[in-house]
Amino acid sequence: MAIQTRPLLALSASLAGLALVSGCAGGVSTSDEGSGDSVEFGSDPQAFQDALADMDPVELTFQAGSSNGTDHTGLREQDFVDAIEEISGGKITINTVWGQPIAPYDEVTEAVADGRIDIGLEIPIYTPAKYPAITSLINIAPTAPADPYFYEMVTTAAAQDVAWSTEEILDDYRDKGANVLVPLEFEYSGALACTEPVTSSDELDGKQLRVASAADFAIAEALGATPVSMQYVETYEALQRNTIDCTFGALKIQTGSGFLEVAPYVAFPTESSFSRNPTSILTGQQIEALPVAAQQLIFDQALVYFTGHHEAKAKYNSESIADIDAHGGDVMQLDADAEADLATALDGLRQQTVETDALDGEALITDFDAALEKWEGVAEELGYAPSGDYREFAETFDEDPFTVEDFAQRVFEDVYLPHRPS
């Protein structure tokens, strides 16, 4: 299956057909500093340009997530930037910086808060103590099975639904002086990539397994591996030199960083998933001071961002199979004993959420389970279906085109619009 995309201006203009009314205040701006005319969601670019006619031009700094802007992630981030600039009629220009030159991950929130960055991508898993409410949601994210597309789409929608309606999660960022554009956008579920075939806890016993989060750490230990905390930029060399044997990470990371060249044996669970690690998009005070129409314009492009997220990840998932085959690897499933060990680890993570002091953990679990059920139903209603077979997904990727725009619009209508600046 392949994903067909439309030019971003066409996508933005098509929202007018939704005929939706703007929601209440929230989202990008949490104060009343914004002024000027409001523009109804779904309006064409000219309506925004008319509303911003008297605004002084402004340049915003966006520290993106891609290291170079040329991969699938970078291209979708550039689409997000292009949409803002073009719809504003040039009133807003964005200086996009790649590769975290202003602030490293785990310090982006502070850089947004103090004005060094106006829009920034943060990764909260690196400092879980700073984000206790977010960590509580991360702990229960592996509930849905690993899947090349369907359950990843559903989990991201459910997480954003719950995050936007849970003040403690939003306050993990707002209390530090940053505003929220995308509260939590989960990377696709992690894959276990190893230098040799591994599908059981016995085979993992004693192996050095690179992890990136506290949830990864707990899962690795439950599977019998020795967890090694390591940022992904160090992982390729560690695998190449046999300093570590395996790594967790979404296929986007595995193929984009070359890990599959040295660890081409990839295993997935079938009943649940490994960790799903999120990113967030935060905005700063310069955006909060813009006219309300400018705030709305930027907020509305979260739809573009959500759509591009899933398009990019699907492409990575398809391309990763070619990388695995090119380097003599294979795609495998965990055996029953390893699945049981994983289930034990996930039960432990859920219990951590129950016991957290950051929020009402039991209510969070109930809300998340309900959101998963809700968005699974929406996805099925729109014609999406789970696959579970990564190789089959890759083989049909170019033969059975589909888009995610209808699902993304439903998410934006239901989850984002109530928080649109006004």
Protein backbone atom coordinates (compact mmCIF):
# COMPACT_ATOMS: atom_id res chain seq x y z
CA MET A 1 0.00 0.00 0.00
CA ALA A 2 1.26 3.49 -0.78
CA ILE A 3 0.23 6.77 0.71
CA GLN A 4 -0.83 9.47 -1.69
CA THR A 5 -0.39 13.04 -0.60
CA ARG A 6 -1.71 16.31 -1.88
CA PRO A 7 0.13 19.63 -1.93
CA LEU A 8 -0.09 21.27 1.46
CA LEU A 9 -1.94 24.35 0.33
CA ALA A 10 -4.53 22.14 -1.29
CA LEU A 11 -4.88 20.20 1.94
CA SER A 12 -5.26 23.39 3.97
CA ALA A 13 -7.76 24.83 1.53
CA SER A 14 -9.76 21.59 1.57
CA LEU A 15 -10.48 22.11 5.25
CA ALA A 16 -12.95 24.80 4.26
CA GLY A 17 -15.25 22.01 3.14
CA LEU A 18 -15.53 20.80 6.72
CA ALA A 19 -17.54 23.92 7.61
CA LEU A 20 -16.48 23.68 11.22
CA VAL A 21 -16.79 26.44 13.79
CA SER A 22 -13.79 27.51 15.83
CA GLY A 23 -13.51 26.13 19.34
CA CYS A 24 -12.80 27.81 22.62
CA ALA A 25 -9.52 29.27 23.76
CA GLY A 26 -6.54 27.06 24.57
CA GLY A 27 -3.82 25.35 22.60
CA VAL A 28 -1.05 27.58 21.32
CA SER A 29 -2.04 30.56 23.42
CA THR A 30 -2.95 30.36 27.08
CA SER A 31 -3.25 34.12 27.67
CA ASP A 32 -5.27 36.99 26.25
CA GLU A 33 -2.26 38.75 24.73
CA GLY A 34 -3.36 37.92 21.19
CA SER A 35 -5.51 40.56 19.50
CA GLY A 36 -7.27 41.22 16.23
CA ASP A 37 -9.90 39.38 14.23
CA SER A 38 -10.54 35.68 14.59
CA VAL A 39 -10.65 33.52 11.46
CA GLU A 40 -13.02 30.58 11.32
CA PHE A 41 -11.40 27.18 11.02
CA GLY A 42 -11.56 25.92 7.45
CA SER A 43 -11.31 29.40 5.92
CA ASP A 44 -9.23 29.81 2.79
CA PRO A 45 -5.76 31.42 2.91
CA GLN A 46 -7.10 34.79 1.78
CA ALA A 47 -9.19 35.10 4.96
CA PHE A 48 -6.05 34.70 7.06
CA GLN A 49 -4.12 37.13 4.89
CA ASP A 50 -6.89 39.73 5.21
CA ALA A 51 -6.95 39.32 8.99
CA LEU A 52 -3.16 39.70 9.16
CA ALA A 53 -2.90 42.64 6.76
CA ASP A 54 -1.86 45.06 9.51
CA MET A 55 0.46 42.68 11.33
CA ASP A 56 4.17 43.45 11.24
CA PRO A 57 6.13 40.61 9.61
CA VAL A 58 7.64 38.20 12.10
CA GLU A 59 10.33 35.53 11.90
CA LEU A 60 9.99 32.46 14.10
CA THR A 61 12.65 29.88 14.89
CA PHE A 62 11.61 26.23 14.56
CA GLN A 63 14.01 23.59 15.87
CA ALA A 64 12.83 20.54 13.99
CA GLY A 65 13.28 16.87 14.81
CA SER A 66 15.12 15.76 11.68
CA SER A 67 18.90 15.90 11.67
CA ASN A 68 19.15 17.23 8.11
CA GLY A 69 15.70 18.00 6.70
CA THR A 70 16.04 15.56 3.78
CA ASP A 71 14.54 12.39 5.30
CA HIS A 72 10.81 11.63 5.46
CA THR A 73 10.54 13.29 8.86
CA GLY A 74 12.33 16.40 7.65
CA LEU A 75 10.19 16.64 4.56
CA ARG A 76 6.98 16.54 6.58
CA GLU A 77 8.38 19.17 8.94
CA GLN A 78 9.20 21.36 5.94
CA ASP A 79 5.63 20.90 4.69
CA PHE A 80 4.41 22.16 8.06
CA VAL A 81 6.66 25.23 7.75
CA ASP A 82 5.71 25.89 4.12
CA ALA A 83 2.00 25.79 4.94
CA ILE A 84 2.36 28.41 7.68
CA GLU A 85 4.46 30.74 5.51
CA GLU A 86 2.28 30.45 2.42
CA ILE A 87 -1.08 30.79 4.14
CA SER A 88 0.17 33.85 6.04
CA GLY A 89 1.04 35.52 2.74
CA GLY A 90 4.60 36.05 3.90
CA LYS A 91 3.69 37.72 7.19
CA ILE A 92 5.21 34.77 9.04
CA THR A 93 8.58 33.38 8.01
CA ILE A 94 10.21 30.49 9.79
CA ASN A 95 13.90 29.88 10.29
CA THR A 96 14.09 26.10 10.47
CA VAL A 97 17.15 24.61 12.15
CA TRP A 98 18.05 20.94 11.94
CA GLY A 99 20.06 18.68 14.20
CA GLN A 100 19.34 20.39 17.56
CA PRO A 101 21.92 23.22 17.31
CA ILE A 102 20.12 25.45 19.83
CA ALA A 103 19.14 22.98 22.55
CA PRO A 104 19.53 19.22 22.89
CA TYR A 105 16.55 16.98 23.55
CA ASP A 106 15.49 17.25 27.20
CA GLU A 107 16.34 20.98 27.18
CA VAL A 108 14.05 22.09 24.34
CA THR A 109 11.25 22.96 26.77
CA GLU A 110 13.48 25.44 28.55
CA ALA A 111 14.70 26.90 25.24
CA VAL A 112 11.09 27.44 24.14
CA ALA A 113 10.24 29.00 27.47
CA ASP A 114 13.14 31.49 27.37
CA GLY A 115 12.63 32.45 23.72
CA ARG A 116 15.62 30.84 22.04
CA ILE A 117 13.18 28.63 20.14
CA ASP A 118 9.65 29.60 19.10
CA ILE A 119 8.52 26.14 17.95
CA GLY A 120 10.42 23.09 19.10
CA LEU A 121 10.25 19.32 19.21
CA GLU A 122 10.87 17.82 22.64
CA ILE A 123 11.42 14.17 23.65
CA PRO A 124 10.21 13.74 27.25
CA ILE A 125 11.45 10.15 27.73
CA TYR A 126 15.03 11.31 28.30
CA THR A 127 14.11 13.02 31.58
CA PRO A 128 11.01 11.23 32.93
CA ALA A 129 11.26 12.88 36.36
CA LYS A 130 10.60 16.25 34.69
CA TYR A 131 7.40 14.97 33.09
CA PRO A 132 5.70 12.66 35.60
CA ALA A 133 2.20 12.92 34.14
CA ILE A 134 3.45 12.36 30.59
CA THR A 135 5.49 9.38 31.81
CA SER A 136 2.33 7.89 33.30
CA LEU A 137 0.73 7.91 29.85
CA ILE A 138 3.89 6.56 28.19
CA ASN A 139 3.81 3.60 30.58
CA ILE A 140 0.43 2.43 29.27
CA ALA A 141 1.05 3.18 25.58
CA PRO A 142 2.11 -0.40 24.65
CA THR A 143 -1.46 -1.60 25.25
CA ALA A 144 -2.31 -1.93 21.55
CA PRO A 145 -0.48 -4.53 19.42
CA ALA A 146 2.47 -3.70 17.20
CA ASP A 147 1.27 -3.07 13.68
CA PRO A 148 2.81 -1.51 10.57
CA TYR A 149 0.12 1.13 10.45
CA PHE A 150 -3.36 0.65 11.95
CA TYR A 151 -2.70 0.44 15.69
CA GLU A 152 0.00 3.10 15.49
CA MET A 153 -2.51 5.51 13.99
CA VAL A 154 -5.09 4.54 16.61
CA THR A 155 -2.65 4.82 19.53
CA THR A 156 -1.46 8.28 18.46
CA ALA A 157 -5.06 9.50 18.20
CA ALA A 158 -5.98 8.01 21.58
CA ALA A 159 -2.92 9.50 23.29
CA GLN A 160 -3.63 12.97 21.93
CA ASP A 161 -7.29 12.68 22.88
CA VAL A 162 -6.36 11.82 26.47
CA ALA A 163 -3.49 14.31 26.67
CA TRP A 164 -5.59 17.29 25.56
CA SER A 165 -8.24 16.45 28.17
CA THR A 166 -5.79 15.83 31.06
CA GLU A 167 -4.61 19.07 32.63
CA GLU A 168 -1.74 17.42 34.50
CA ILE A 169 -0.22 16.24 31.20
CA LEU A 170 -0.48 19.68 29.61
CA ASP A 171 0.89 21.25 32.79
CA ASP A 172 4.05 19.14 32.54
CA TYR A 173 4.98 21.64 29.81
CA ARG A 174 2.94 24.71 30.71
CA ASP A 175 4.32 24.86 34.24
CA LYS A 176 7.78 25.20 32.69
CA GLY A 177 6.75 28.18 30.57
CA ALA A 178 6.02 26.44 27.25
CA ASN A 179 2.72 26.19 25.40
CA VAL A 180 1.51 23.05 23.65
CA LEU A 181 0.82 22.58 19.95
CA VAL A 182 1.07 18.76 19.81
CA PRO A 183 0.96 17.28 23.33
CA LEU A 184 2.13 13.74 22.54
CA GLU A 185 2.80 12.20 19.15
CA PHE A 186 3.96 8.63 19.63
CA GLU A 187 6.63 7.20 17.46
CA TYR A 188 5.59 3.84 16.09
CA SER A 189 6.01 0.89 18.43
CA GLY A 190 9.55 -0.22 19.05
CA ALA A 191 11.18 -3.12 17.25
CA LEU A 192 13.83 -5.38 18.74
CA ALA A 193 16.75 -5.33 16.30
CA CYS A 194 19.71 -7.63 16.96
CA THR A 195 22.96 -8.66 15.32
CA GLU A 196 21.74 -12.28 15.28
CA PRO A 197 18.27 -13.89 15.38
CA VAL A 198 16.58 -13.44 18.76
CA THR A 199 12.96 -14.34 19.50
CA SER A 200 13.00 -15.76 23.05
CA SER A 201 13.90 -14.67 26.54
CA ASP A 202 16.48 -17.49 26.68
CA GLU A 203 18.21 -16.04 23.63
CA LEU A 204 18.09 -12.55 25.15
CA ASP A 205 19.55 -13.72 28.45
CA GLY A 206 22.71 -11.72 29.10
CA LYS A 207 22.56 -9.78 25.84
CA GLN A 208 23.33 -6.07 25.97
CA LEU A 209 20.17 -4.26 24.83
CA ARG A 210 20.20 -0.53 24.17
CA VAL A 211 17.22 1.29 25.70
CA ALA A 212 16.07 4.91 25.52
CA SER A 213 13.41 5.18 28.22
CA ALA A 214 12.44 3.93 31.65
CA ALA A 215 9.75 1.79 30.04
CA ASP A 216 12.33 0.26 27.68
CA PHE A 217 14.52 -0.49 30.71
CA ALA A 218 11.76 -2.39 32.51
CA ILE A 219 10.87 -4.38 29.40
CA ALA A 220 14.49 -5.30 28.69
CA GLU A 221 14.98 -6.59 32.22
CA ALA A 222 11.77 -8.64 32.07
CA LEU A 223 12.99 -10.28 28.86
CA GLY A 224 16.26 -11.26 30.50
CA ALA A 225 18.49 -8.78 28.67
CA THR A 226 20.93 -6.35 30.22
CA PRO A 227 19.60 -2.84 29.48
CA VAL A 228 22.13 -0.24 28.38
CA SER A 229 21.00 3.40 28.40
CA MET A 230 22.26 5.05 25.24
CA GLN A 231 21.11 7.82 22.91
CA TYR A 232 20.43 6.69 19.38
CA VAL A 233 23.32 8.68 17.90
CA GLU A 234 25.77 6.33 19.66
CA THR A 235 23.97 3.11 18.78
CA TYR A 236 25.25 2.31 15.29
CA GLU A 237 28.89 2.19 16.36
CA ALA A 238 28.02 0.20 19.49
CA LEU A 239 26.24 -2.44 17.38
CA GLN A 240 29.00 -2.45 14.79
CA ARG A 241 31.68 -3.05 17.46
CA ASN A 242 29.54 -5.61 19.34
CA THR A 243 29.53 -3.40 22.41
CA ILE A 244 25.79 -4.07 22.44
CA ASP A 245 23.87 -6.92 20.83
CA CYS A 246 20.44 -5.41 20.26
CA THR A 247 18.52 -2.16 20.32
CA PHE A 248 14.93 -1.09 20.82
CA GLY A 249 13.55 1.54 18.49
CA ALA A 250 10.86 2.29 15.95
CA LEU A 251 11.65 1.14 12.41
CA LYS A 252 11.91 4.82 11.50
CA ILE A 253 14.95 5.06 13.78
CA GLN A 254 16.31 1.65 12.80
CA THR A 255 16.36 2.32 9.07
CA GLY A 256 16.97 6.08 9.18
CA SER A 257 20.05 5.69 11.38
CA GLY A 258 21.45 2.66 9.56
CA PHE A 259 21.01 0.26 12.48
CA LEU A 260 19.59 -2.42 10.19
CA GLU A 261 22.92 -2.59 8.38
CA VAL A 262 24.49 -4.10 11.50
CA ALA A 263 21.42 -5.47 13.34
CA PRO A 264 19.11 -6.78 10.61
CA TYR A 265 17.25 -9.38 12.69
CA VAL A 266 14.03 -7.71 13.83
CA ALA A 267 11.42 -9.15 16.19
CA PHE A 268 7.97 -7.90 17.20
CA PRO A 269 5.42 -9.06 19.76
CA THR A 270 1.94 -9.94 18.53
CA GLU A 271 -0.31 -9.48 21.57
CA SER A 272 0.97 -6.07 22.65
CA SER A 273 3.95 -3.93 21.72
CA PHE A 274 7.28 -2.70 22.95
CA SER A 275 7.50 0.91 24.11
CA ARG A 276 5.96 3.71 22.11
CA ASN A 277 8.06 6.76 22.80
CA PRO A 278 6.55 10.20 22.15
CA THR A 279 7.64 13.57 20.91
CA SER A 280 5.84 16.85 21.56
CA ILE A 281 5.67 20.18 19.71
CA LEU A 282 5.90 23.22 21.95
CA THR A 283 5.51 26.94 21.26
CA GLY A 284 6.83 30.02 23.03
CA GLN A 285 5.93 33.53 24.09
CA GLN A 286 6.50 35.22 20.73
CA ILE A 287 3.70 33.12 19.24
CA GLU A 288 1.49 33.81 22.25
CA ALA A 289 1.83 37.56 21.56
CA LEU A 290 0.82 37.29 17.86
CA PRO A 291 -2.61 38.36 16.64
CA VAL A 292 -5.19 35.67 17.25
CA ALA A 293 -5.50 34.89 13.52
CA ALA A 294 -1.77 34.15 13.37
CA GLN A 295 -2.07 31.88 16.40
CA GLN A 296 -5.00 30.12 14.75
CA LEU A 297 -3.10 29.71 11.48
CA ILE A 298 -0.19 28.02 13.26
CA PHE A 299 -2.50 25.88 15.39
CA ASP A 300 -4.44 24.66 12.35
CA GLN A 301 -1.28 23.24 10.81
CA ALA A 302 -1.21 20.61 13.55
CA LEU A 303 -3.50 18.77 11.11
CA VAL A 304 -0.78 18.91 8.48
CA TYR A 305 1.71 17.71 11.09
CA PHE A 306 -0.46 14.76 12.17
CA THR A 307 -1.07 13.68 8.58
CA GLY A 308 2.61 13.93 7.70
CA HIS A 309 3.59 11.97 10.80
CA HIS A 310 1.74 8.87 9.65
CA GLU A 311 2.70 9.22 6.03
CA ALA A 312 6.37 9.40 6.99
CA LYS A 313 6.21 6.46 9.39
CA ALA A 314 4.45 4.25 6.85
CA LYS A 315 7.18 4.99 4.33
CA TYR A 316 9.87 4.14 6.88
CA ASN A 317 8.12 0.88 7.76
CA SER A 318 8.01 -0.13 4.11
CA GLU A 319 11.61 0.85 3.38
CA SER A 320 12.93 -0.92 6.47
CA ILE A 321 11.91 -4.31 5.08
CA ALA A 322 14.09 -3.71 2.02
CA ASP A 323 16.97 -2.78 4.35
CA ILE A 324 16.47 -5.93 6.40
CA ASP A 325 16.53 -8.10 3.27
CA ALA A 326 19.50 -6.25 1.79
CA HIS A 327 21.58 -7.06 4.88
CA GLY A 328 20.56 -10.70 5.19
CA GLY A 329 18.18 -10.26 8.10
CA ASP A 330 14.62 -11.29 8.83
CA VAL A 331 11.38 -10.14 10.46
CA MET A 332 10.33 -12.47 13.27
CA GLN A 333 7.84 -12.80 16.13
CA LEU A 334 8.58 -13.29 19.81
CA ASP A 335 7.86 -16.78 21.09
CA ALA A 336 5.14 -17.48 23.66
CA ASP A 337 7.44 -17.33 26.68
CA ALA A 338 8.88 -13.98 25.65
CA GLU A 339 5.33 -12.68 25.07
CA ALA A 340 4.47 -13.74 28.62
CA ASP A 341 7.55 -11.99 30.01
CA LEU A 342 6.64 -8.86 28.07
CA ALA A 343 3.09 -9.00 29.43
CA THR A 344 4.50 -9.12 32.97
CA ALA A 345 6.62 -6.03 32.27
CA LEU A 346 3.67 -4.13 30.82
CA ASP A 347 1.54 -5.03 33.85
CA GLY A 348 4.29 -3.54 36.01
CA LEU A 349 4.31 -0.33 33.99
CA ARG A 350 0.54 -0.02 34.27
CA GLN A 351 0.86 -0.48 38.02
CA GLN A 352 3.35 2.39 38.12
CA THR A 353 0.69 4.56 36.50
CA VAL A 354 -1.89 3.40 39.06
CA GLU A 355 0.46 4.36 41.89
CA THR A 356 1.72 7.69 40.51
CA ASP A 357 1.31 10.90 42.49
CA ALA A 358 1.29 12.97 39.29
CA LEU A 359 -2.41 12.41 38.53
CA ASP A 360 -5.25 9.94 38.99
CA GLY A 361 -3.56 6.94 37.38
CA GLU A 362 -6.60 4.66 37.42
CA ALA A 363 -8.68 7.33 35.69
CA LEU A 364 -5.92 7.82 33.11
CA ILE A 365 -5.90 4.10 32.29
CA THR A 366 -9.69 4.06 32.00
CA ASP A 367 -9.65 7.11 29.73
CA PHE A 368 -6.86 5.72 27.55
CA ASP A 369 -8.51 2.32 27.14
CA ALA A 370 -11.76 4.03 26.18
CA ALA A 371 -9.94 6.29 23.71
CA LEU A 372 -8.24 3.30 22.08
CA GLU A 373 -11.62 1.64 21.61
CA LYS A 374 -13.12 4.86 20.26
CA TRP A 375 -10.38 5.54 17.69
CA GLU A 376 -10.14 1.91 16.64
CA GLY A 377 -13.85 2.15 15.80
CA VAL A 378 -13.33 5.40 13.88
CA ALA A 379 -10.45 3.89 11.88
CA GLU A 380 -12.49 0.80 11.00
CA GLU A 381 -15.46 2.98 10.06
CA LEU A 382 -13.21 4.85 7.62
CA GLY A 383 -12.02 1.63 6.01
CA TYR A 384 -8.67 1.01 7.73
CA ALA A 385 -7.84 -2.47 8.99
CA PRO A 386 -5.04 -3.97 11.10
CA SER A 387 -2.37 -5.95 9.34
CA GLY A 388 0.28 -7.10 11.80
CA ASP A 389 2.37 -8.39 8.89
CA TYR A 390 5.19 -5.95 8.21
CA ARG A 391 6.49 -7.83 5.19
CA GLU A 392 3.07 -7.98 3.55
CA PHE A 393 2.61 -4.27 4.22
CA ALA A 394 5.89 -3.49 2.45
CA GLU A 395 5.07 -5.76 -0.48
CA THR A 396 1.72 -4.08 -1.14
CA PHE A 397 2.79 -0.55 -0.29
CA ASP A 398 3.12 0.55 -3.93
CA GLU A 399 0.06 -1.33 -5.17
CA ASP A 400 -2.81 -0.33 -2.88
CA PRO A 401 -2.77 3.43 -2.34
CA PHE A 402 -4.52 5.06 0.59
CA THR A 403 -4.43 8.35 2.45
CA VAL A 404 -4.73 9.26 6.13
CA GLU A 405 -6.38 12.62 5.60
CA ASP A 406 -9.89 11.46 6.50
CA PHE A 407 -8.70 9.97 9.79
CA ALA A 408 -6.50 12.98 10.55
CA GLN A 409 -9.40 15.36 9.98
CA ARG A 410 -11.58 13.37 12.39
CA VAL A 411 -8.85 13.58 15.02
CA PHE A 412 -8.46 17.32 14.47
CA GLU A 413 -12.21 17.98 14.61
CA ASP A 414 -12.73 16.00 17.77
CA VAL A 415 -9.51 16.51 19.71
CA TYR A 416 -7.85 19.76 18.60
CA LEU A 417 -10.61 22.21 17.70
CA PRO A 418 -11.89 22.65 21.27
CA HIS A 419 -8.43 24.03 22.14
CA ARG A 420 -8.07 26.36 19.14
CA PRO A 421 -7.08 29.93 20.08
CA SER A 422 -9.96 32.40 19.89
